[in-house]
Amino acid sequence: MEQLITTVGKVKRQINPNLKISGILLTMVDRRTNYAKDISRVIGGIYSRFVTIYKTEISLSIKAAETSAVGKSIYAYDKNGKAADAYKEFTKEVLDGGKQRNKHKSELIR
């Protein structure tokens, strides 16, 4: 995350002063593990003051991982799968303009 933020800062200074990180989308999340729960909590604790942490999470999915190997989008490869549904939900959340995000931020702070 730190490298990404540093890179975005450099691009912003040198190429595009209007560049912004819209938020953080957690992907490859396996909520059955304590590790995933810890990562979500740490990211929320550190970055939620500076950037939106999206409520939607993309669960760990073999089908989603296979999409890059077959060169297809998740919608073309497994349109009714959990990953495709999660990406649709994420799209709605982004287009929603943050109504869901603000709720999630307050949940992370507790």
PDB file of N, CA and C in Angstrom:
ATOM      1  N   MET A   1       0.820  -1.190   0.000  1.00  0.00           N
ATOM      2  CA  MET A   1       0.000   0.000   0.000  1.00  0.00           C
ATOM      3  C   MET A   1       0.864   1.254   0.000  1.00  0.00           C
ATOM      4  N   GLU A   2       1.901   1.229   0.817  1.00  0.00           N
ATOM      5  CA  GLU A   2       2.761   2.414   0.912  1.00  0.00           C
ATOM      6  C   GLU A   2       3.419   2.722  -0.432  1.00  0.00           C
ATOM      7  N   GLN A   3       3.863   1.678  -1.135  1.00  0.00           N
ATOM      8  CA  GLN A   3       4.481   1.888  -2.454  1.00  0.00           C
ATOM      9  C   GLN A   3       3.481   2.489  -3.428  1.00  0.00           C
ATOM     10  N   LEU A   4       2.259   1.987  -3.400  1.00  0.00           N
ATOM     11  CA  LEU A   4       1.225   2.510  -4.291  1.00  0.00           C
ATOM     12  C   LEU A   4       0.952   3.982  -3.995  1.00  0.00           C
ATOM     13  N   ILE A   5       0.838   4.320  -2.739  1.00  0.00           N
ATOM     14  CA  ILE A   5       0.580   5.715  -2.360  1.00  0.00           C
ATOM     15  C   ILE A   5       1.742   6.613  -2.774  1.00  0.00           C
ATOM     16  N   THR A   6       2.968   6.117  -2.618  1.00  0.00           N
ATOM     17  CA  THR A   6       4.149   6.876  -3.049  1.00  0.00           C
ATOM     18  C   THR A   6       4.129   7.088  -4.556  1.00  0.00           C
ATOM     19  N   THR A   7       3.815   6.026  -5.303  1.00  0.00           N
ATOM     20  CA  THR A   7       3.759   6.121  -6.768  1.00  0.00           C
ATOM     21  C   THR A   7       2.679   7.100  -7.212  1.00  0.00           C
ATOM     22  N   VAL A   8       1.512   7.021  -6.610  1.00  0.00           N
ATOM     23  CA  VAL A   8       0.429   7.946  -6.952  1.00  0.00           C
ATOM     24  C   VAL A   8       0.862   9.382  -6.658  1.00  0.00           C
ATOM     25  N   GLY A   9       1.548   9.592  -5.550  1.00  0.00           N
ATOM     26  CA  GLY A   9       2.050  10.931  -5.218  1.00  0.00           C
ATOM     27  C   GLY A   9       3.010  11.463  -6.264  1.00  0.00           C
ATOM     28  N   LYS A  10       3.910  10.603  -6.757  1.00  0.00           N
ATOM     29  CA  LYS A  10       4.862  11.017  -7.801  1.00  0.00           C
ATOM     30  C   LYS A  10       4.135  11.363  -9.092  1.00  0.00           C
ATOM     31  N   VAL A  11       3.197  10.509  -9.491  1.00  0.00           N
ATOM     32  CA  VAL A  11       2.434  10.767 -10.719  1.00  0.00           C
ATOM     33  C   VAL A  11       1.655  12.068 -10.572  1.00  0.00           C
ATOM     34  N   LYS A  12       1.091  12.284  -9.412  1.00  0.00           N
ATOM     35  CA  LYS A  12       0.321  13.506  -9.164  1.00  0.00           C
ATOM     36  C   LYS A  12       1.201  14.746  -9.302  1.00  0.00           C
ATOM     37  N   ARG A  13       2.396  14.691  -8.748  1.00  0.00           N
ATOM     38  CA  ARG A  13       3.305  15.839  -8.831  1.00  0.00           C
ATOM     39  C   ARG A  13       3.834  16.051 -10.245  1.00  0.00           C
ATOM     40  N   GLN A  14       4.153  14.983 -10.956  1.00  0.00           N
ATOM     41  CA  GLN A  14       4.855  15.104 -12.231  1.00  0.00           C
ATOM     42  C   GLN A  14       3.952  15.100 -13.456  1.00  0.00           C
ATOM     43  N   ILE A  15       2.814  14.443 -13.383  1.00  0.00           N
ATOM     44  CA  ILE A  15       2.016  14.261 -14.593  1.00  0.00           C
ATOM     45  C   ILE A  15       0.588  14.787 -14.465  1.00  0.00           C
ATOM     46  N   ASN A  16      -0.088  14.417 -13.388  1.00  0.00           N
ATOM     47  CA  ASN A  16      -1.509  14.731 -13.276  1.00  0.00           C
ATOM     48  C   ASN A  16      -1.850  15.204 -11.862  1.00  0.00           C
ATOM     49  N   PRO A  17      -1.869  16.510 -11.642  1.00  0.00           N
ATOM     50  CA  PRO A  17      -2.148  17.025 -10.301  1.00  0.00           C
ATOM     51  C   PRO A  17      -3.562  16.714  -9.804  1.00  0.00           C
ATOM     52  N   ASN A  18      -4.446  16.284 -10.684  1.00  0.00           N
ATOM     53  CA  ASN A  18      -5.823  15.968 -10.293  1.00  0.00           C
ATOM     54  C   ASN A  18      -6.026  14.501  -9.921  1.00  0.00           C
ATOM     55  N   LEU A  19      -4.975  13.700 -10.031  1.00  0.00           N
ATOM     56  CA  LEU A  19      -5.087  12.274  -9.738  1.00  0.00           C
ATOM     57  C   LEU A  19      -5.414  12.055  -8.267  1.00  0.00           C
ATOM     58  N   LYS A  20      -6.389  11.181  -8.010  1.00  0.00           N
ATOM     59  CA  LYS A  20      -6.787  10.855  -6.642  1.00  0.00           C
ATOM     60  C   LYS A  20      -7.034   9.353  -6.535  1.00  0.00           C
ATOM     61  N   ILE A  21      -6.801   8.829  -5.363  1.00  0.00           N
ATOM     62  CA  ILE A  21      -7.207   7.453  -5.076  1.00  0.00           C
ATOM     63  C   ILE A  21      -8.644   7.536  -4.586  1.00  0.00           C
ATOM     64  N   SER A  22      -9.537   6.900  -5.309  1.00  0.00           N
ATOM     65  CA  SER A  22     -10.947   6.968  -4.945  1.00  0.00           C
ATOM     66  C   SER A  22     -11.238   6.149  -3.700  1.00  0.00           C
ATOM     67  N   GLY A  23     -10.502   5.073  -3.508  1.00  0.00           N
ATOM     68  CA  GLY A  23     -10.726   4.246  -2.329  1.00  0.00           C
ATOM     69  C   GLY A  23      -9.936   2.964  -2.410  1.00  0.00           C
ATOM     70  N   ILE A  24     -10.095   2.150  -1.389  1.00  0.00           N
ATOM     71  CA  ILE A  24      -9.416   0.860  -1.325  1.00  0.00           C
ATOM     72  C   ILE A  24     -10.468  -0.233  -1.404  1.00  0.00           C
ATOM     73  N   LEU A  25     -10.280  -1.130  -2.361  1.00  0.00           N
ATOM     74  CA  LEU A  25     -11.138  -2.299  -2.524  1.00  0.00           C
ATOM     75  C   LEU A  25     -10.335  -3.516  -2.094  1.00  0.00           C
ATOM     76  N   LEU A  26     -10.802  -4.203  -1.079  1.00  0.00           N
ATOM     77  CA  LEU A  26     -10.124  -5.415  -0.633  1.00  0.00           C
ATOM     78  C   LEU A  26     -10.529  -6.571  -1.540  1.00  0.00           C
ATOM     79  N   THR A  27      -9.527  -7.277  -2.064  1.00  0.00           N
ATOM     80  CA  THR A  27      -9.774  -8.406  -2.959  1.00  0.00           C
ATOM     81  C   THR A  27      -9.108  -9.657  -2.404  1.00  0.00           C
ATOM     82  N   MET A  28      -9.503 -10.796  -2.948  1.00  0.00           N
ATOM     83  CA  MET A  28      -8.964 -12.095  -2.535  1.00  0.00           C
ATOM     84  C   MET A  28      -9.138 -12.301  -1.029  1.00  0.00           C
ATOM     85  N   VAL A  29     -10.273 -11.878  -0.519  1.00  0.00           N
ATOM     86  CA  VAL A  29     -10.558 -11.934   0.911  1.00  0.00           C
ATOM     87  C   VAL A  29     -11.180 -13.287   1.262  1.00  0.00           C
ATOM     88  N   ASP A  30     -10.606 -13.942   2.249  1.00  0.00           N
ATOM     89  CA  ASP A  30     -11.159 -15.194   2.771  1.00  0.00           C
ATOM     90  C   ASP A  30     -11.551 -14.938   4.222  1.00  0.00           C
ATOM     91  N   ARG A  31     -12.790 -14.571   4.447  1.00  0.00           N
ATOM     92  CA  ARG A  31     -13.275 -14.169   5.768  1.00  0.00           C
ATOM     93  C   ARG A  31     -13.245 -15.311   6.786  1.00  0.00           C
ATOM     94  N   ARG A  32     -12.967 -16.530   6.330  1.00  0.00           N
ATOM     95  CA  ARG A  32     -12.866 -17.646   7.275  1.00  0.00           C
ATOM     96  C   ARG A  32     -11.570 -17.585   8.074  1.00  0.00           C
ATOM     97  N   THR A  33     -10.614 -16.794   7.600  1.00  0.00           N
ATOM     98  CA  THR A  33      -9.313 -16.753   8.271  1.00  0.00           C
ATOM     99  C   THR A  33      -9.173 -15.512   9.146  1.00  0.00           C
ATOM    100  N   ASN A  34      -8.462 -15.673  10.232  1.00  0.00           N
ATOM    101  CA  ASN A  34      -8.167 -14.530  11.101  1.00  0.00           C
ATOM    102  C   ASN A  34      -7.277 -13.528  10.384  1.00  0.00           C
ATOM    103  N   TYR A  35      -6.404 -14.029   9.500  1.00  0.00           N
ATOM    104  CA  TYR A  35      -5.499 -13.153   8.752  1.00  0.00           C
ATOM    105  C   TYR A  35      -6.288 -12.127   7.942  1.00  0.00           C
ATOM    106  N   ALA A  36      -7.301 -12.587   7.222  1.00  0.00           N
ATOM    107  CA  ALA A  36      -8.115 -11.671   6.408  1.00  0.00           C
ATOM    108  C   ALA A  36      -8.816 -10.646   7.288  1.00  0.00           C
ATOM    109  N   LYS A  37      -9.317 -11.093   8.416  1.00  0.00           N
ATOM    110  CA  LYS A  37      -9.984 -10.167   9.341  1.00  0.00           C
ATOM    111  C   LYS A  37      -8.994  -9.140   9.880  1.00  0.00           C
ATOM    112  N   ASP A  38      -7.789  -9.606  10.211  1.00  0.00           N
ATOM    113  CA  ASP A  38      -6.754  -8.697  10.723  1.00  0.00           C
ATOM    114  C   ASP A  38      -6.340  -7.670   9.676  1.00  0.00           C
ATOM    115  N   ILE A  39      -6.129  -8.124   8.439  1.00  0.00           N
ATOM    116  CA  ILE A  39      -5.727  -7.214   7.355  1.00  0.00           C
ATOM    117  C   ILE A  39      -6.794  -6.146   7.140  1.00  0.00           C
ATOM    118  N   SER A  40      -8.042  -6.559   7.111  1.00  0.00           N
ATOM    119  CA  SER A  40      -9.136  -5.607   6.930  1.00  0.00           C
ATOM    120  C   SER A  40      -9.142  -4.575   8.051  1.00  0.00           C
ATOM    121  N   ARG A  41      -8.961  -5.030   9.266  1.00  0.00           N
ATOM    122  CA  ARG A  41      -8.954  -4.132  10.423  1.00  0.00           C
ATOM    123  C   ARG A  41      -7.755  -3.175  10.375  1.00  0.00           C
ATOM    124  N   VAL A  42      -6.576  -3.696  10.016  1.00  0.00           N
ATOM    125  CA  VAL A  42      -5.368  -2.865   9.950  1.00  0.00           C
ATOM    126  C   VAL A  42      -5.496  -1.812   8.853  1.00  0.00           C
ATOM    127  N   ILE A  43      -5.925  -2.234   7.676  1.00  0.00           N
ATOM    128  CA  ILE A  43      -6.084  -1.283   6.566  1.00  0.00           C
ATOM    129  C   ILE A  43      -7.101  -0.210   6.939  1.00  0.00           C
ATOM    130  N   GLY A  44      -8.210  -0.626   7.519  1.00  0.00           N
ATOM    131  CA  GLY A  44      -9.213   0.346   7.952  1.00  0.00           C
ATOM    132  C   GLY A  44      -8.667   1.300   8.995  1.00  0.00           C
ATOM    133  N   GLY A  45      -7.912   0.764   9.943  1.00  0.00           N
ATOM    134  CA  GLY A  45      -7.363   1.592  11.007  1.00  0.00           C
ATOM    135  C   GLY A  45      -6.344   2.599  10.528  1.00  0.00           C
ATOM    136  N   ILE A  46      -5.541   2.211   9.565  1.00  0.00           N
ATOM    137  CA  ILE A  46      -4.482   3.098   9.072  1.00  0.00           C
ATOM    138  C   ILE A  46      -4.989   4.065   8.008  1.00  0.00           C
ATOM    139  N   TYR A  47      -5.725   3.556   7.032  1.00  0.00           N
ATOM    140  CA  TYR A  47      -6.024   4.348   5.839  1.00  0.00           C
ATOM    141  C   TYR A  47      -7.401   5.006   5.819  1.00  0.00           C
ATOM    142  N   SER A  48      -8.320   4.592   6.671  1.00  0.00           N
ATOM    143  CA  SER A  48      -9.682   5.137   6.584  1.00  0.00           C
ATOM    144  C   SER A  48      -9.740   6.633   6.880  1.00  0.00           C
ATOM    145  N   ARG A  49      -8.735   7.160   7.549  1.00  0.00           N
ATOM    146  CA  ARG A  49      -8.705   8.614   7.801  1.00  0.00           C
ATOM    147  C   ARG A  49      -8.360   9.395   6.536  1.00  0.00           C
ATOM    148  N   PHE A  50      -7.702   8.730   5.586  1.00  0.00           N
ATOM    149  CA  PHE A  50      -7.187   9.419   4.402  1.00  0.00           C
ATOM    150  C   PHE A  50      -7.934   9.080   3.123  1.00  0.00           C
ATOM    151  N   VAL A  51      -8.502   7.893   3.069  1.00  0.00           N
ATOM    152  CA  VAL A  51      -9.132   7.435   1.837  1.00  0.00           C
ATOM    153  C   VAL A  51     -10.296   6.511   2.198  1.00  0.00           C
ATOM    154  N   THR A  52     -11.240   6.417   1.302  1.00  0.00           N
ATOM    155  CA  THR A  52     -12.396   5.560   1.496  1.00  0.00           C
ATOM    156  C   THR A  52     -11.984   4.094   1.482  1.00  0.00           C
ATOM    157  N   ILE A  53     -12.521   3.332   2.401  1.00  0.00           N
ATOM    158  CA  ILE A  53     -12.392   1.877   2.361  1.00  0.00           C
ATOM    159  C   ILE A  53     -13.763   1.379   1.924  1.00  0.00           C
ATOM    160  N   TYR A  54     -13.820   0.783   0.736  1.00  0.00           N
ATOM    161  CA  TYR A  54     -15.115   0.348   0.219  1.00  0.00           C
ATOM    162  C   TYR A  54     -15.687  -0.776   1.064  1.00  0.00           C
ATOM    163  N   LYS A  55     -16.985  -0.753   1.232  1.00  0.00           N
ATOM    164  CA  LYS A  55     -17.693  -1.772   2.005  1.00  0.00           C
ATOM    165  C   LYS A  55     -17.631  -3.120   1.293  1.00  0.00           C
ATOM    166  N   THR A  56     -17.786  -3.100  -0.009  1.00  0.00           N
ATOM    167  CA  THR A  56     -17.742  -4.331  -0.788  1.00  0.00           C
ATOM    168  C   THR A  56     -16.354  -4.937  -0.721  1.00  0.00           C
ATOM    169  N   GLU A  57     -16.305  -6.238  -0.559  1.00  0.00           N
ATOM    170  CA  GLU A  57     -15.047  -6.979  -0.610  1.00  0.00           C
ATOM    171  C   GLU A  57     -15.198  -8.077  -1.653  1.00  0.00           C
ATOM    172  N   ILE A  58     -14.108  -8.358  -2.356  1.00  0.00           N
ATOM    173  CA  ILE A  58     -14.112  -9.428  -3.349  1.00  0.00           C
ATOM    174  C   ILE A  58     -13.516 -10.666  -2.684  1.00  0.00           C
ATOM    175  N   SER A  59     -14.336 -11.690  -2.537  1.00  0.00           N
ATOM    176  CA  SER A  59     -13.887 -12.919  -1.881  1.00  0.00           C
ATOM    177  C   SER A  59     -12.882 -13.663  -2.741  1.00  0.00           C
ATOM    178  N   LEU A  60     -12.061 -14.447  -2.075  1.00  0.00           N
ATOM    179  CA  LEU A  60     -11.119 -15.319  -2.763  1.00  0.00           C
ATOM    180  C   LEU A  60     -11.913 -16.261  -3.653  1.00  0.00           C
ATOM    181  N   SER A  61     -11.533 -16.345  -4.932  1.00  0.00           N
ATOM    182  CA  SER A  61     -12.288 -17.141  -5.891  1.00  0.00           C
ATOM    183  C   SER A  61     -11.349 -17.735  -6.928  1.00  0.00           C
ATOM    184  N   ILE A  62     -11.416 -19.041  -7.082  1.00  0.00           N
ATOM    185  CA  ILE A  62     -10.614 -19.709  -8.108  1.00  0.00           C
ATOM    186  C   ILE A  62     -11.038 -19.229  -9.489  1.00  0.00           C
ATOM    187  N   LYS A  63     -12.338 -19.096  -9.700  1.00  0.00           N
ATOM    188  CA  LYS A  63     -12.840 -18.633 -11.008  1.00  0.00           C
ATOM    189  C   LYS A  63     -12.284 -17.251 -11.343  1.00  0.00           C
ATOM    190  N   ALA A  64     -12.245 -16.363 -10.368  1.00  0.00           N
ATOM    191  CA  ALA A  64     -11.702 -15.023 -10.612  1.00  0.00           C
ATOM    192  C   ALA A  64     -10.225 -15.106 -10.967  1.00  0.00           C
ATOM    193  N   ALA A  65      -9.489 -15.977 -10.296  1.00  0.00           N
ATOM    194  CA  ALA A  65      -8.063 -16.139 -10.592  1.00  0.00           C
ATOM    195  C   ALA A  65      -7.849 -16.717 -11.989  1.00  0.00           C
ATOM    196  N   GLU A  66      -8.739 -17.577 -12.421  1.00  0.00           N
ATOM    197  CA  GLU A  66      -8.611 -18.207 -13.741  1.00  0.00           C
ATOM    198  C   GLU A  66      -8.860 -17.228 -14.885  1.00  0.00           C
ATOM    199  N   THR A  67      -9.534 -16.128 -14.628  1.00  0.00           N
ATOM    200  CA  THR A  67      -9.887 -15.205 -15.713  1.00  0.00           C
ATOM    201  C   THR A  67      -8.670 -14.655 -16.438  1.00  0.00           C
ATOM    202  N   SER A  68      -7.601 -14.368 -15.707  1.00  0.00           N
ATOM    203  CA  SER A  68      -6.414 -13.828 -16.382  1.00  0.00           C
ATOM    204  C   SER A  68      -5.758 -14.881 -17.263  1.00  0.00           C
ATOM    205  N   ALA A  69      -5.822 -16.139 -16.860  1.00  0.00           N
ATOM    206  CA  ALA A  69      -5.226 -17.210 -17.666  1.00  0.00           C
ATOM    207  C   ALA A  69      -5.993 -17.433 -18.965  1.00  0.00           C
ATOM    208  N   VAL A  70      -7.302 -17.257 -18.909  1.00  0.00           N
ATOM    209  CA  VAL A  70      -8.110 -17.480 -20.109  1.00  0.00           C
ATOM    210  C   VAL A  70      -8.360 -16.191 -20.892  1.00  0.00           C
ATOM    211  N   GLY A  71      -7.944 -15.066 -20.338  1.00  0.00           N
ATOM    212  CA  GLY A  71      -8.075 -13.793 -21.048  1.00  0.00           C
ATOM    213  C   GLY A  71      -9.500 -13.286 -21.168  1.00  0.00           C
ATOM    214  N   LYS A  72     -10.323 -13.582 -20.169  1.00  0.00           N
ATOM    215  CA  LYS A  72     -11.713 -13.124 -20.191  1.00  0.00           C
ATOM    216  C   LYS A  72     -12.020 -12.350 -18.916  1.00  0.00           C
ATOM    217  N   SER A  73     -13.041 -11.526 -18.995  1.00  0.00           N
ATOM    218  CA  SER A  73     -13.500 -10.837 -17.787  1.00  0.00           C
ATOM    219  C   SER A  73     -14.257 -11.834 -16.913  1.00  0.00           C
ATOM    220  N   ILE A  74     -14.428 -11.496 -15.665  1.00  0.00           N
ATOM    221  CA  ILE A  74     -15.181 -12.371 -14.763  1.00  0.00           C
ATOM    222  C   ILE A  74     -16.622 -12.519 -15.250  1.00  0.00           C
ATOM    223  N   TYR A  75     -17.137 -11.491 -15.922  1.00  0.00           N
ATOM    224  CA  TYR A  75     -18.512 -11.552 -16.416  1.00  0.00           C
ATOM    225  C   TYR A  75     -18.645 -12.495 -17.609  1.00  0.00           C
ATOM    226  N   ALA A  76     -17.604 -12.583 -18.423  1.00  0.00           N
ATOM    227  CA  ALA A  76     -17.631 -13.507 -19.557  1.00  0.00           C
ATOM    228  C   ALA A  76     -17.329 -14.936 -19.110  1.00  0.00           C
ATOM    229  N   TYR A  77     -16.530 -15.073 -18.077  1.00  0.00           N
ATOM    230  CA  TYR A  77     -16.063 -16.394 -17.640  1.00  0.00           C
ATOM    231  C   TYR A  77     -16.995 -17.054 -16.626  1.00  0.00           C
ATOM    232  N   ASP A  78     -17.523 -16.284 -15.705  1.00  0.00           N
ATOM    233  CA  ASP A  78     -18.363 -16.850 -14.638  1.00  0.00           C
ATOM    234  C   ASP A  78     -19.367 -15.798 -14.174  1.00  0.00           C
ATOM    235  N   LYS A  79     -20.258 -15.407 -15.095  1.00  0.00           N
ATOM    236  CA  LYS A  79     -21.128 -14.257 -14.838  1.00  0.00           C
ATOM    237  C   LYS A  79     -22.073 -14.425 -13.646  1.00  0.00           C
ATOM    238  N   ASN A  80     -22.362 -15.650 -13.254  1.00  0.00           N
ATOM    239  CA  ASN A  80     -23.265 -15.868 -12.125  1.00  0.00           C
ATOM    240  C   ASN A  80     -22.531 -16.243 -10.838  1.00  0.00           C
ATOM    241  N   GLY A  81     -21.218 -16.136 -10.859  1.00  0.00           N
ATOM    242  CA  GLY A  81     -20.421 -16.509  -9.696  1.00  0.00           C
ATOM    243  C   GLY A  81     -20.387 -15.423  -8.634  1.00  0.00           C
ATOM    244  N   LYS A  82     -19.855 -15.797  -7.474  1.00  0.00           N
ATOM    245  CA  LYS A  82     -19.786 -14.862  -6.343  1.00  0.00           C
ATOM    246  C   LYS A  82     -18.883 -13.669  -6.640  1.00  0.00           C
ATOM    247  N   ALA A  83     -17.783 -13.905  -7.351  1.00  0.00           N
ATOM    248  CA  ALA A  83     -16.867 -12.798  -7.657  1.00  0.00           C
ATOM    249  C   ALA A  83     -17.537 -11.791  -8.593  1.00  0.00           C
ATOM    250  N   ALA A  84     -18.238 -12.288  -9.602  1.00  0.00           N
ATOM    251  CA  ALA A  84     -18.942 -11.386 -10.522  1.00  0.00           C
ATOM    252  C   ALA A  84     -19.993 -10.574  -9.768  1.00  0.00           C
ATOM    253  N   ASP A  85     -20.712 -11.241  -8.881  1.00  0.00           N
ATOM    254  CA  ASP A  85     -21.713 -10.531  -8.074  1.00  0.00           C
ATOM    255  C   ASP A  85     -21.062  -9.458  -7.205  1.00  0.00           C
ATOM    256  N   ALA A  86     -19.913  -9.787  -6.626  1.00  0.00           N
ATOM    257  CA  ALA A  86     -19.216  -8.821  -5.771  1.00  0.00           C
ATOM    258  C   ALA A  86     -18.736  -7.621  -6.582  1.00  0.00           C
ATOM    259  N   TYR A  87     -18.218  -7.863  -7.787  1.00  0.00           N
ATOM    260  CA  TYR A  87     -17.783  -6.738  -8.627  1.00  0.00           C
ATOM    261  C   TYR A  87     -18.975  -5.882  -9.054  1.00  0.00           C
ATOM    262  N   LYS A  88     -20.119  -6.507  -9.308  1.00  0.00           N
ATOM    263  CA  LYS A  88     -21.330  -5.731  -9.619  1.00  0.00           C
ATOM    264  C   LYS A  88     -21.713  -4.857  -8.425  1.00  0.00           C
ATOM    265  N   GLU A  89     -21.640  -5.437  -7.235  1.00  0.00           N
ATOM    266  CA  GLU A  89     -21.964  -4.689  -6.014  1.00  0.00           C
ATOM    267  C   GLU A  89     -20.989  -3.528  -5.814  1.00  0.00           C
ATOM    268  N   PHE A  90     -19.716  -3.780  -6.100  1.00  0.00           N
ATOM    269  CA  PHE A  90     -18.706  -2.726  -5.997  1.00  0.00           C
ATOM    270  C   PHE A  90     -19.013  -1.596  -6.978  1.00  0.00           C
ATOM    271  N   THR A  91     -19.386  -1.950  -8.195  1.00  0.00           N
ATOM    272  CA  THR A  91     -19.739  -0.942  -9.197  1.00  0.00           C
ATOM    273  C   THR A  91     -20.896  -0.085  -8.699  1.00  0.00           C
ATOM    274  N   LYS A  92     -21.912  -0.727  -8.138  1.00  0.00           N
ATOM    275  CA  LYS A  92     -23.045   0.022  -7.585  1.00  0.00           C
ATOM    276  C   LYS A  92     -22.586   0.949  -6.463  1.00  0.00           C
ATOM    277  N   GLU A  93     -21.690   0.434  -5.619  1.00  0.00           N
ATOM    278  CA  GLU A  93     -21.196   1.244  -4.500  1.00  0.00           C
ATOM    279  C   GLU A  93     -20.454   2.483  -4.988  1.00  0.00           C
ATOM    280  N   VAL A  94     -19.624   2.321  -6.005  1.00  0.00           N
ATOM    281  CA  VAL A  94     -18.885   3.463  -6.552  1.00  0.00           C
ATOM    282  C   VAL A  94     -19.854   4.460  -7.180  1.00  0.00           C
ATOM    283  N   LEU A  95     -20.795   3.965  -7.958  1.00  0.00           N
ATOM    284  CA  LEU A  95     -21.757   4.851  -8.608  1.00  0.00           C
ATOM    285  C   LEU A  95     -22.703   5.505  -7.604  1.00  0.00           C
ATOM    286  N   ASP A  96     -22.907   4.848  -6.486  1.00  0.00           N
ATOM    287  CA  ASP A  96     -23.764   5.350  -5.415  1.00  0.00           C
ATOM    288  C   ASP A  96     -23.204   6.631  -4.804  1.00  0.00           C
ATOM    289  N   GLY A  97     -21.917   6.838  -4.961  1.00  0.00           N
ATOM    290  CA  GLY A  97     -21.308   8.070  -4.482  1.00  0.00           C
ATOM    291  C   GLY A  97     -20.918   8.067  -3.022  1.00  0.00           C
ATOM    292  N   GLY A  98     -20.898   6.924  -2.408  1.00  0.00           N
ATOM    293  CA  GLY A  98     -20.341   6.856  -1.069  1.00  0.00           C
ATOM    294  C   GLY A  98     -21.311   6.662   0.069  1.00  0.00           C
ATOM    295  N   LYS A  99     -22.583   6.526  -0.210  1.00  0.00           N
ATOM    296  CA  LYS A  99     -23.545   6.366   0.888  1.00  0.00           C
ATOM    297  C   LYS A  99     -23.217   5.137   1.732  1.00  0.00           C
ATOM    298  N   GLN A 100     -22.881   4.023   1.066  1.00  0.00           N
ATOM    299  CA  GLN A 100     -22.535   2.801   1.791  1.00  0.00           C
ATOM    300  C   GLN A 100     -21.178   2.940   2.461  1.00  0.00           C
ATOM    301  N   ARG A 101     -20.242   3.633   1.809  1.00  0.00           N
ATOM    302  CA  ARG A 101     -18.882   3.771   2.333  1.00  0.00           C
ATOM    303  C   ARG A 101     -18.862   4.437   3.697  1.00  0.00           C
ATOM    304  N   ASN A 102     -19.628   5.490   3.850  1.00  0.00           N
ATOM    305  CA  ASN A 102     -19.616   6.218   5.110  1.00  0.00           C
ATOM    306  C   ASN A 102     -20.052   5.325   6.263  1.00  0.00           C
ATOM    307  N   LYS A 103     -21.007   4.450   6.013  1.00  0.00           N
ATOM    308  CA  LYS A 103     -21.443   3.508   7.036  1.00  0.00           C
ATOM    309  C   LYS A 103     -20.285   2.580   7.394  1.00  0.00           C
ATOM    310  N   HIS A 104     -19.576   2.090   6.395  1.00  0.00           N
ATOM    311  CA  HIS A 104     -18.472   1.164   6.631  1.00  0.00           C
ATOM    312  C   HIS A 104     -17.355   1.831   7.425  1.00  0.00           C
ATOM    313  N   LYS A 105     -17.054   3.069   7.134  1.00  0.00           N
ATOM    314  CA  LYS A 105     -16.007   3.789   7.873  1.00  0.00           C
ATOM    315  C   LYS A 105     -16.330   3.820   9.361  1.00  0.00           C
ATOM    316  N   SER A 106     -17.579   4.110   9.688  1.00  0.00           N
ATOM    317  CA  SER A 106     -17.939   4.182  11.102  1.00  0.00           C
ATOM    318  C   SER A 106     -17.855   2.811  11.755  1.00  0.00           C
ATOM    319  N   GLU A 107     -18.111   1.745  11.012  1.00  0.00           N
ATOM    320  CA  GLU A 107     -17.986   0.393  11.554  1.00  0.00           C
ATOM    321  C   GLU A 107     -16.530   0.062  11.845  1.00  0.00           C
ATOM    322  N   LEU A 108     -15.612   0.527  11.004  1.00  0.00           N
ATOM    323  CA  LEU A 108     -14.197   0.229  11.187  1.00  0.00           C
ATOM    324  C   LEU A 108     -13.615   0.947  12.395  1.00  0.00           C
ATOM    325  N   ILE A 109     -14.123   2.105  12.687  1.00  0.00           N
ATOM    326  CA  ILE A 109     -13.572   2.909  13.771  1.00  0.00           C
ATOM    327  C   ILE A 109     -13.931   2.325  15.136  1.00  0.00           C
ATOM    328  N   ARG A 110     -15.040   1.621  15.224  1.00  0.00           N
ATOM    329  CA  ARG A 110     -15.481   1.046  16.509  1.00  0.00           C
ATOM    330  C   ARG A 110     -14.500   0.084  17.089  1.00  0.00           C
TER     331      ARG A 110
END
